[in-house]
Amino acid sequence: MRPALAFPALLAVLAFLLLPAKAEIAPRPGWVVIETGHGFAELVERVKRSVAVEKMGLVTQASASDGAAMQGIAIPGNRVLGVYRNDYARRMLEANIAAGIEAPIRFYVTENGDGSATLSWKTPGHVFAPYMDEGGTALSELAAELDAVFARIGERAVRAE
């Protein structure tokens, strides 16, 4: 590309990248996606409380919207909450060391255009599916247990009260 044409093309790409991203999460295989009437900050706190009720650990948190805000940029709220517990970690590693890359398993809270928030997560069974041949029954049983735990966390967090 000639230099005179490169600059306008670069500007077009940058303009596209700066467009606001659509906040809504579409359903997809292996995911649970629950739209709620809760606001973003409220849903984040509800997930945290629900994690504690299930005696799971909130291991990690990350938020691009918080990072953007520190740079003076406003984007729709999003927070990734990594959830796990050491006894599950030990069982997972006994079943399959490679599966350890998947821990903690994450919940994702996203802010919608109308101010409500969506809770989504990949089911543990889906997350661990690539390791099932090597992890066998032990990993399959662990994933099923975690599927139930994550479902209870999600259901409690989104419940209307």
N, C-alpha and C. Protein backbone atom coordinates (compact mmCIF):
# COMPACT_ATOMS: atom_id res chain seq x y z
N MET A 1 0.84 -1.18 0.00
CA MET A 1 0.00 0.00 0.00
C MET A 1 0.88 1.23 0.00
N ARG A 2 0.51 2.20 -0.80
CA ARG A 2 1.30 3.43 -0.86
C ARG A 2 1.09 4.23 0.43
N PRO A 3 2.12 4.96 0.88
CA PRO A 3 2.02 5.73 2.13
C PRO A 3 0.83 6.68 2.15
N ALA A 4 0.49 7.31 1.02
CA ALA A 4 -0.61 8.26 1.00
C ALA A 4 -1.94 7.57 1.28
N LEU A 5 -2.06 6.29 0.93
CA LEU A 5 -3.30 5.56 1.16
C LEU A 5 -3.31 4.87 2.52
N ALA A 6 -2.15 4.65 3.10
CA ALA A 6 -2.05 3.92 4.35
C ALA A 6 -2.69 4.70 5.51
N PHE A 7 -2.51 5.99 5.58
CA PHE A 7 -3.02 6.78 6.70
C PHE A 7 -4.55 6.77 6.75
N PRO A 8 -5.26 7.03 5.63
CA PRO A 8 -6.73 6.95 5.69
C PRO A 8 -7.23 5.55 6.05
N ALA A 9 -6.56 4.52 5.56
CA ALA A 9 -6.96 3.15 5.89
C ALA A 9 -6.76 2.89 7.38
N LEU A 10 -5.66 3.38 7.93
CA LEU A 10 -5.40 3.23 9.36
C LEU A 10 -6.46 3.95 10.17
N LEU A 11 -6.84 5.15 9.76
CA LEU A 11 -7.88 5.89 10.46
C LEU A 11 -9.21 5.15 10.43
N ALA A 12 -9.54 4.54 9.30
CA ALA A 12 -10.80 3.80 9.19
C ALA A 12 -10.79 2.60 10.15
N VAL A 13 -9.69 1.90 10.24
CA VAL A 13 -9.59 0.76 11.14
C VAL A 13 -9.71 1.23 12.59
N LEU A 14 -9.01 2.30 12.94
CA LEU A 14 -9.08 2.82 14.31
C LEU A 14 -10.49 3.28 14.66
N ALA A 15 -11.17 3.94 13.73
CA ALA A 15 -12.55 4.38 13.98
C ALA A 15 -13.45 3.19 14.25
N PHE A 16 -13.28 2.12 13.48
CA PHE A 16 -14.08 0.91 13.69
C PHE A 16 -13.81 0.31 15.07
N LEU A 17 -12.56 0.26 15.47
CA LEU A 17 -12.20 -0.32 16.76
C LEU A 17 -12.72 0.49 17.93
N LEU A 18 -12.93 1.78 17.73
CA LEU A 18 -13.40 2.64 18.82
C LEU A 18 -14.92 2.68 18.94
N LEU A 19 -15.63 2.04 18.00
CA LEU A 19 -17.09 1.99 18.11
C LEU A 19 -17.47 1.24 19.36
N PRO A 20 -18.54 1.67 20.05
CA PRO A 20 -18.93 0.94 21.26
C PRO A 20 -19.34 -0.48 20.93
N ALA A 21 -18.90 -1.41 21.74
CA ALA A 21 -19.26 -2.81 21.55
C ALA A 21 -20.67 -3.05 22.05
N LYS A 22 -21.39 -3.94 21.39
CA LYS A 22 -22.71 -4.32 21.86
C LYS A 22 -22.52 -5.12 23.13
N ALA A 23 -23.22 -4.75 24.19
CA ALA A 23 -23.00 -5.35 25.50
C ALA A 23 -23.69 -6.69 25.68
N GLU A 24 -24.78 -6.93 24.98
CA GLU A 24 -25.55 -8.14 25.21
C GLU A 24 -24.78 -9.40 24.78
N ILE A 25 -24.97 -10.46 25.55
CA ILE A 25 -24.33 -11.75 25.28
C ILE A 25 -25.36 -12.65 24.62
N ALA A 26 -25.03 -13.17 23.47
CA ALA A 26 -25.94 -14.09 22.76
C ALA A 26 -25.76 -15.51 23.32
N PRO A 27 -26.84 -16.27 23.36
CA PRO A 27 -26.70 -17.68 23.78
C PRO A 27 -25.73 -18.41 22.85
N ARG A 28 -24.99 -19.35 23.41
CA ARG A 28 -24.03 -20.13 22.62
C ARG A 28 -23.87 -21.49 23.28
N PRO A 29 -23.42 -22.49 22.54
CA PRO A 29 -23.29 -23.84 23.10
C PRO A 29 -22.36 -23.86 24.32
N GLY A 30 -22.81 -24.55 25.36
CA GLY A 30 -22.00 -24.71 26.56
C GLY A 30 -22.08 -23.55 27.53
N TRP A 31 -22.82 -22.52 27.21
CA TRP A 31 -22.97 -21.35 28.07
C TRP A 31 -24.36 -21.32 28.68
N VAL A 32 -24.46 -20.73 29.85
CA VAL A 32 -25.74 -20.34 30.43
C VAL A 32 -25.74 -18.81 30.37
N VAL A 33 -26.80 -18.24 29.81
CA VAL A 33 -26.92 -16.79 29.68
C VAL A 33 -28.27 -16.39 30.26
N ILE A 34 -28.24 -15.56 31.30
CA ILE A 34 -29.47 -15.16 31.98
C ILE A 34 -29.55 -13.63 32.01
N GLU A 35 -30.50 -13.09 31.29
CA GLU A 35 -30.76 -11.65 31.36
C GLU A 35 -31.55 -11.39 32.63
N THR A 36 -31.21 -10.31 33.31
CA THR A 36 -31.87 -10.02 34.59
C THR A 36 -32.41 -8.59 34.57
N GLY A 37 -33.19 -8.28 35.58
CA GLY A 37 -33.65 -6.92 35.79
C GLY A 37 -32.77 -6.16 36.75
N HIS A 38 -31.73 -6.81 37.25
CA HIS A 38 -30.81 -6.18 38.18
C HIS A 38 -29.86 -5.25 37.43
N GLY A 39 -29.44 -4.18 38.10
CA GLY A 39 -28.40 -3.33 37.55
C GLY A 39 -27.06 -4.03 37.63
N PHE A 40 -26.09 -3.49 36.90
CA PHE A 40 -24.77 -4.12 36.81
C PHE A 40 -24.11 -4.29 38.19
N ALA A 41 -23.95 -3.19 38.94
CA ALA A 41 -23.26 -3.26 40.23
C ALA A 41 -24.00 -4.18 41.19
N GLU A 42 -25.31 -4.13 41.16
CA GLU A 42 -26.10 -4.99 42.03
C GLU A 42 -25.89 -6.46 41.69
N LEU A 43 -25.88 -6.79 40.39
CA LEU A 43 -25.69 -8.19 40.01
C LEU A 43 -24.29 -8.69 40.38
N VAL A 44 -23.29 -7.85 40.23
CA VAL A 44 -21.93 -8.25 40.65
C VAL A 44 -21.95 -8.62 42.13
N GLU A 45 -22.56 -7.78 42.97
CA GLU A 45 -22.60 -8.05 44.41
C GLU A 45 -23.42 -9.30 44.72
N ARG A 46 -24.50 -9.52 43.99
CA ARG A 46 -25.34 -10.71 44.20
C ARG A 46 -24.55 -11.98 43.85
N VAL A 47 -23.75 -11.93 42.79
CA VAL A 47 -22.93 -13.10 42.44
C VAL A 47 -21.92 -13.36 43.56
N LYS A 48 -21.27 -12.32 44.04
CA LYS A 48 -20.28 -12.49 45.11
C LYS A 48 -20.92 -13.12 46.35
N ARG A 49 -22.10 -12.65 46.74
CA ARG A 49 -22.78 -13.22 47.90
C ARG A 49 -23.16 -14.68 47.66
N SER A 50 -23.63 -14.97 46.46
CA SER A 50 -24.03 -16.32 46.12
C SER A 50 -22.84 -17.28 46.12
N VAL A 51 -21.70 -16.81 45.66
CA VAL A 51 -20.46 -17.60 45.70
C VAL A 51 -20.14 -17.97 47.15
N ALA A 52 -20.25 -17.00 48.04
CA ALA A 52 -19.95 -17.24 49.46
C ALA A 52 -20.93 -18.23 50.07
N VAL A 53 -22.22 -18.11 49.73
CA VAL A 53 -23.22 -19.04 50.26
C VAL A 53 -22.89 -20.47 49.87
N GLU A 54 -22.39 -20.67 48.67
CA GLU A 54 -22.02 -22.01 48.20
C GLU A 54 -20.64 -22.44 48.71
N LYS A 55 -20.04 -21.62 49.56
CA LYS A 55 -18.73 -21.92 50.15
C LYS A 55 -17.65 -22.14 49.08
N MET A 56 -17.77 -21.35 48.01
CA MET A 56 -16.76 -21.35 46.97
C MET A 56 -15.88 -20.12 47.18
N GLY A 57 -14.75 -20.08 46.52
CA GLY A 57 -13.85 -18.94 46.65
C GLY A 57 -13.92 -18.03 45.45
N LEU A 58 -13.95 -16.73 45.70
CA LEU A 58 -13.81 -15.73 44.63
C LEU A 58 -12.31 -15.55 44.45
N VAL A 59 -11.76 -16.20 43.42
CA VAL A 59 -10.32 -16.31 43.25
C VAL A 59 -9.74 -15.15 42.46
N THR A 60 -10.47 -14.70 41.44
CA THR A 60 -9.99 -13.61 40.59
C THR A 60 -11.15 -12.70 40.21
N GLN A 61 -10.81 -11.46 39.84
CA GLN A 61 -11.76 -10.51 39.27
C GLN A 61 -11.02 -9.68 38.24
N ALA A 62 -11.72 -9.39 37.16
CA ALA A 62 -11.16 -8.51 36.14
C ALA A 62 -12.29 -7.70 35.54
N SER A 63 -12.01 -6.44 35.20
CA SER A 63 -13.04 -5.59 34.63
C SER A 63 -12.42 -4.60 33.65
N ALA A 64 -12.72 -4.80 32.37
CA ALA A 64 -12.25 -3.85 31.36
C ALA A 64 -12.91 -2.49 31.56
N SER A 65 -14.15 -2.47 32.04
CA SER A 65 -14.83 -1.18 32.23
C SER A 65 -14.17 -0.38 33.35
N ASP A 66 -13.71 -1.06 34.42
CA ASP A 66 -12.98 -0.34 35.47
C ASP A 66 -11.67 0.21 34.94
N GLY A 67 -10.96 -0.61 34.16
CA GLY A 67 -9.70 -0.15 33.57
C GLY A 67 -9.90 1.02 32.62
N ALA A 68 -10.94 0.94 31.81
CA ALA A 68 -11.22 2.03 30.88
C ALA A 68 -11.57 3.31 31.65
N ALA A 69 -12.34 3.17 32.73
CA ALA A 69 -12.73 4.34 33.53
C ALA A 69 -11.51 5.04 34.11
N MET A 70 -10.48 4.27 34.46
CA MET A 70 -9.25 4.88 35.00
C MET A 70 -8.52 5.69 33.93
N GLN A 71 -8.86 5.44 32.66
CA GLN A 71 -8.28 6.21 31.57
C GLN A 71 -9.25 7.25 31.03
N GLY A 72 -10.37 7.45 31.75
CA GLY A 72 -11.35 8.44 31.35
C GLY A 72 -12.26 8.00 30.21
N ILE A 73 -12.35 6.70 29.98
CA ILE A 73 -13.18 6.17 28.89
C ILE A 73 -14.33 5.39 29.50
N ALA A 74 -15.54 5.67 29.05
CA ALA A 74 -16.72 4.96 29.56
C ALA A 74 -17.14 3.88 28.57
N ILE A 75 -17.19 2.63 29.04
CA ILE A 75 -17.73 1.52 28.26
C ILE A 75 -18.73 0.79 29.14
N PRO A 76 -19.63 -0.01 28.56
CA PRO A 76 -20.59 -0.74 29.39
C PRO A 76 -19.87 -1.60 30.42
N GLY A 77 -20.49 -1.71 31.60
CA GLY A 77 -19.90 -2.48 32.68
C GLY A 77 -19.70 -3.94 32.32
N ASN A 78 -18.58 -4.48 32.73
CA ASN A 78 -18.32 -5.91 32.59
C ASN A 78 -17.36 -6.32 33.69
N ARG A 79 -17.60 -7.51 34.21
CA ARG A 79 -16.71 -8.04 35.24
C ARG A 79 -16.66 -9.55 35.09
N VAL A 80 -15.46 -10.09 35.11
CA VAL A 80 -15.24 -11.52 35.09
C VAL A 80 -14.87 -11.93 36.51
N LEU A 81 -15.60 -12.91 37.05
CA LEU A 81 -15.39 -13.38 38.41
C LEU A 81 -14.94 -14.84 38.37
N GLY A 82 -13.70 -15.09 38.73
CA GLY A 82 -13.16 -16.45 38.75
C GLY A 82 -13.48 -17.13 40.06
N VAL A 83 -14.13 -18.28 39.98
CA VAL A 83 -14.64 -18.97 41.17
C VAL A 83 -14.10 -20.40 41.20
N TYR A 84 -13.60 -20.80 42.37
CA TYR A 84 -13.14 -22.18 42.53
C TYR A 84 -12.93 -22.45 44.01
N ARG A 85 -12.44 -23.64 44.31
CA ARG A 85 -12.15 -24.02 45.69
C ARG A 85 -11.04 -25.06 45.66
N ASN A 86 -10.19 -25.05 46.67
CA ASN A 86 -8.99 -25.89 46.65
C ASN A 86 -9.28 -27.38 46.58
N ASP A 87 -10.32 -27.87 47.25
CA ASP A 87 -10.59 -29.31 47.17
C ASP A 87 -10.99 -29.72 45.75
N TYR A 88 -11.70 -28.85 45.04
CA TYR A 88 -12.01 -29.12 43.64
C TYR A 88 -10.74 -29.07 42.79
N ALA A 89 -9.87 -28.13 43.11
CA ALA A 89 -8.61 -28.01 42.35
C ALA A 89 -7.77 -29.28 42.49
N ARG A 90 -7.68 -29.79 43.70
CA ARG A 90 -6.89 -31.02 43.91
C ARG A 90 -7.47 -32.20 43.14
N ARG A 91 -8.78 -32.35 43.19
CA ARG A 91 -9.42 -33.44 42.46
C ARG A 91 -9.25 -33.28 40.95
N MET A 92 -9.36 -32.06 40.47
CA MET A 92 -9.18 -31.79 39.04
C MET A 92 -7.77 -32.19 38.61
N LEU A 93 -6.78 -31.77 39.37
CA LEU A 93 -5.40 -32.07 39.01
C LEU A 93 -5.07 -33.55 39.12
N GLU A 94 -5.69 -34.24 40.06
CA GLU A 94 -5.51 -35.70 40.14
C GLU A 94 -6.07 -36.37 38.89
N ALA A 95 -7.18 -35.84 38.38
CA ALA A 95 -7.81 -36.43 37.20
C ALA A 95 -7.06 -36.08 35.93
N ASN A 96 -6.61 -34.82 35.83
CA ASN A 96 -5.93 -34.39 34.61
C ASN A 96 -5.19 -33.08 34.84
N ILE A 97 -3.89 -33.12 34.80
CA ILE A 97 -3.06 -31.93 35.04
C ILE A 97 -3.36 -30.82 34.03
N ALA A 98 -3.54 -31.17 32.77
CA ALA A 98 -3.78 -30.15 31.74
C ALA A 98 -5.05 -29.36 32.00
N ALA A 99 -6.04 -29.97 32.64
CA ALA A 99 -7.30 -29.27 32.93
C ALA A 99 -7.08 -28.10 33.88
N GLY A 100 -5.95 -28.09 34.58
CA GLY A 100 -5.65 -27.02 35.52
C GLY A 100 -5.62 -25.64 34.88
N ILE A 101 -5.38 -25.57 33.58
CA ILE A 101 -5.37 -24.27 32.89
C ILE A 101 -6.74 -23.60 32.93
N GLU A 102 -7.78 -24.37 33.16
CA GLU A 102 -9.15 -23.86 33.11
C GLU A 102 -9.63 -23.29 34.45
N ALA A 103 -8.89 -23.49 35.51
CA ALA A 103 -9.31 -23.00 36.82
C ALA A 103 -8.72 -21.62 37.08
N PRO A 104 -9.44 -20.71 37.66
CA PRO A 104 -10.82 -20.85 38.12
C PRO A 104 -11.81 -20.76 36.96
N ILE A 105 -12.98 -21.30 37.18
CA ILE A 105 -14.05 -21.20 36.19
C ILE A 105 -14.75 -19.86 36.44
N ARG A 106 -15.20 -19.23 35.37
CA ARG A 106 -15.59 -17.83 35.47
C ARG A 106 -17.09 -17.57 35.24
N PHE A 107 -17.59 -16.60 36.00
CA PHE A 107 -18.87 -15.97 35.73
C PHE A 107 -18.56 -14.65 35.03
N TYR A 108 -19.50 -14.21 34.17
CA TYR A 108 -19.31 -12.96 33.44
C TYR A 108 -20.56 -12.12 33.61
N VAL A 109 -20.41 -10.94 34.19
CA VAL A 109 -21.52 -10.00 34.38
C VAL A 109 -21.30 -8.87 33.38
N THR A 110 -22.33 -8.62 32.56
CA THR A 110 -22.24 -7.57 31.55
C THR A 110 -23.43 -6.63 31.67
N GLU A 111 -23.16 -5.36 31.44
CA GLU A 111 -24.20 -4.33 31.48
C GLU A 111 -24.85 -4.20 30.11
N ASN A 112 -26.17 -4.18 30.11
CA ASN A 112 -26.93 -4.04 28.88
C ASN A 112 -27.25 -2.57 28.61
N GLY A 113 -27.64 -2.28 27.39
CA GLY A 113 -27.94 -0.91 26.99
C GLY A 113 -29.05 -0.26 27.80
N ASP A 114 -29.98 -1.05 28.35
CA ASP A 114 -31.10 -0.48 29.11
C ASP A 114 -30.77 -0.34 30.60
N GLY A 115 -29.52 -0.61 31.00
CA GLY A 115 -29.12 -0.49 32.40
C GLY A 115 -29.24 -1.79 33.19
N SER A 116 -29.88 -2.78 32.62
CA SER A 116 -29.95 -4.09 33.28
C SER A 116 -28.62 -4.81 33.06
N ALA A 117 -28.51 -5.99 33.67
CA ALA A 117 -27.27 -6.75 33.52
C ALA A 117 -27.59 -8.21 33.19
N THR A 118 -26.63 -8.85 32.55
CA THR A 118 -26.73 -10.26 32.18
C THR A 118 -25.65 -11.03 32.92
N LEU A 119 -26.03 -12.22 33.41
CA LEU A 119 -25.07 -13.13 34.02
C LEU A 119 -24.88 -14.30 33.06
N SER A 120 -23.64 -14.61 32.77
CA SER A 120 -23.36 -15.75 31.90
C SER A 120 -22.14 -16.49 32.41
N TRP A 121 -22.07 -17.77 32.02
CA TRP A 121 -20.91 -18.58 32.33
C TRP A 121 -20.88 -19.80 31.43
N LYS A 122 -19.67 -20.28 31.20
CA LYS A 122 -19.50 -21.56 30.54
C LYS A 122 -19.68 -22.62 31.63
N THR A 123 -20.48 -23.64 31.34
CA THR A 123 -20.66 -24.68 32.35
C THR A 123 -19.33 -25.40 32.57
N PRO A 124 -19.08 -25.83 33.80
CA PRO A 124 -17.85 -26.59 34.05
C PRO A 124 -17.74 -27.83 33.15
N GLY A 125 -18.86 -28.49 32.88
CA GLY A 125 -18.82 -29.64 31.97
C GLY A 125 -18.32 -29.27 30.59
N HIS A 126 -18.71 -28.09 30.13
CA HIS A 126 -18.23 -27.60 28.82
C HIS A 126 -16.75 -27.22 28.90
N VAL A 127 -16.38 -26.55 29.99
CA VAL A 127 -14.99 -26.12 30.16
C VAL A 127 -14.04 -27.31 30.18
N PHE A 128 -14.45 -28.37 30.87
CA PHE A 128 -13.58 -29.54 31.01
C PHE A 128 -13.74 -30.57 29.91
N ALA A 129 -14.66 -30.36 28.98
CA ALA A 129 -14.92 -31.34 27.91
C ALA A 129 -13.65 -31.75 27.14
N PRO A 130 -12.75 -30.83 26.81
CA PRO A 130 -11.56 -31.25 26.04
C PRO A 130 -10.64 -32.21 26.80
N TYR A 131 -10.82 -32.34 28.12
CA TYR A 131 -9.93 -33.16 28.94
C TYR A 131 -10.59 -34.47 29.39
N MET A 132 -11.81 -34.71 28.99
CA MET A 132 -12.57 -35.85 29.50
C MET A 132 -11.96 -37.19 29.11
N ASP A 133 -11.43 -37.32 27.91
CA ASP A 133 -10.83 -38.61 27.52
C ASP A 133 -9.69 -38.98 28.46
N GLU A 134 -8.87 -38.00 28.81
CA GLU A 134 -7.74 -38.27 29.70
C GLU A 134 -8.17 -38.28 31.17
N GLY A 135 -9.13 -37.44 31.53
CA GLY A 135 -9.54 -37.30 32.94
C GLY A 135 -10.51 -38.36 33.41
N GLY A 136 -11.17 -39.02 32.47
CA GLY A 136 -12.05 -40.14 32.79
C GLY A 136 -13.19 -39.82 33.73
N THR A 137 -13.60 -40.85 34.45
CA THR A 137 -14.75 -40.75 35.35
C THR A 137 -14.54 -39.71 36.43
N ALA A 138 -13.34 -39.62 36.96
CA ALA A 138 -13.07 -38.66 38.04
C ALA A 138 -13.33 -37.23 37.59
N LEU A 139 -12.87 -36.86 36.41
CA LEU A 139 -13.09 -35.51 35.90
C LEU A 139 -14.56 -35.30 35.52
N SER A 140 -15.17 -36.32 34.97
CA SER A 140 -16.58 -36.23 34.60
C SER A 140 -17.46 -36.00 35.84
N GLU A 141 -17.18 -36.73 36.91
CA GLU A 141 -17.94 -36.55 38.16
C GLU A 141 -17.71 -35.17 38.76
N LEU A 142 -16.47 -34.72 38.73
CA LEU A 142 -16.15 -33.38 39.23
C LEU A 142 -16.89 -32.32 38.43
N ALA A 143 -16.88 -32.43 37.12
CA ALA A 143 -17.57 -31.45 36.27
C ALA A 143 -19.06 -31.43 36.57
N ALA A 144 -19.66 -32.59 36.76
CA ALA A 144 -21.09 -32.66 37.08
C ALA A 144 -21.39 -31.99 38.42
N GLU A 145 -20.54 -32.22 39.42
CA GLU A 145 -20.71 -31.55 40.72
C GLU A 145 -20.63 -30.04 40.55
N LEU A 146 -19.62 -29.60 39.81
CA LEU A 146 -19.43 -28.16 39.62
C LEU A 146 -20.55 -27.55 38.78
N ASP A 147 -21.08 -28.31 37.81
CA ASP A 147 -22.24 -27.81 37.05
C ASP A 147 -23.37 -27.45 38.00
N ALA A 148 -23.62 -28.32 38.98
CA ALA A 148 -24.70 -28.08 39.95
C ALA A 148 -24.38 -26.89 40.84
N VAL A 149 -23.14 -26.78 41.30
CA VAL A 149 -22.74 -25.66 42.15
C VAL A 149 -22.89 -24.33 41.39
N PHE A 150 -22.40 -24.30 40.16
CA PHE A 150 -22.48 -23.06 39.37
C PHE A 150 -23.92 -22.71 39.05
N ALA A 151 -24.75 -23.71 38.81
CA ALA A 151 -26.17 -23.44 38.56
C ALA A 151 -26.83 -22.83 39.79
N ARG A 152 -26.51 -23.35 40.98
CA ARG A 152 -27.09 -22.78 42.21
C ARG A 152 -26.61 -21.35 42.42
N ILE A 153 -25.34 -21.10 42.18
CA ILE A 153 -24.82 -19.74 42.32
C ILE A 153 -25.56 -18.80 41.37
N GLY A 154 -25.66 -19.20 40.12
CA GLY A 154 -26.33 -18.37 39.13
C GLY A 154 -27.79 -18.14 39.46
N GLU A 155 -28.50 -19.21 39.81
CA GLU A 155 -29.92 -19.08 40.13
C GLU A 155 -30.15 -18.15 41.31
N ARG A 156 -29.34 -18.29 42.36
CA ARG A 156 -29.48 -17.44 43.53
C ARG A 156 -29.17 -15.98 43.19
N ALA A 157 -28.15 -15.77 42.39
CA ALA A 157 -27.73 -14.40 42.06
C ALA A 157 -28.78 -13.65 41.25
N VAL A 158 -29.48 -14.35 40.38
CA VAL A 158 -30.45 -13.65 39.49
C VAL A 158 -31.86 -13.64 40.04
N ARG A 159 -32.12 -14.40 41.09
CA ARG A 159 -33.46 -14.50 41.66
C ARG A 159 -34.00 -13.11 42.00
N ALA A 160 -35.25 -12.87 41.63
CA ALA A 160 -35.90 -11.60 41.97
C ALA A 160 -36.25 -11.59 43.45
N GLU A 161 -35.89 -10.55 44.13
CA GLU A 161 -36.19 -10.42 45.57
C GLU A 161 -36.71 -9.05 45.86
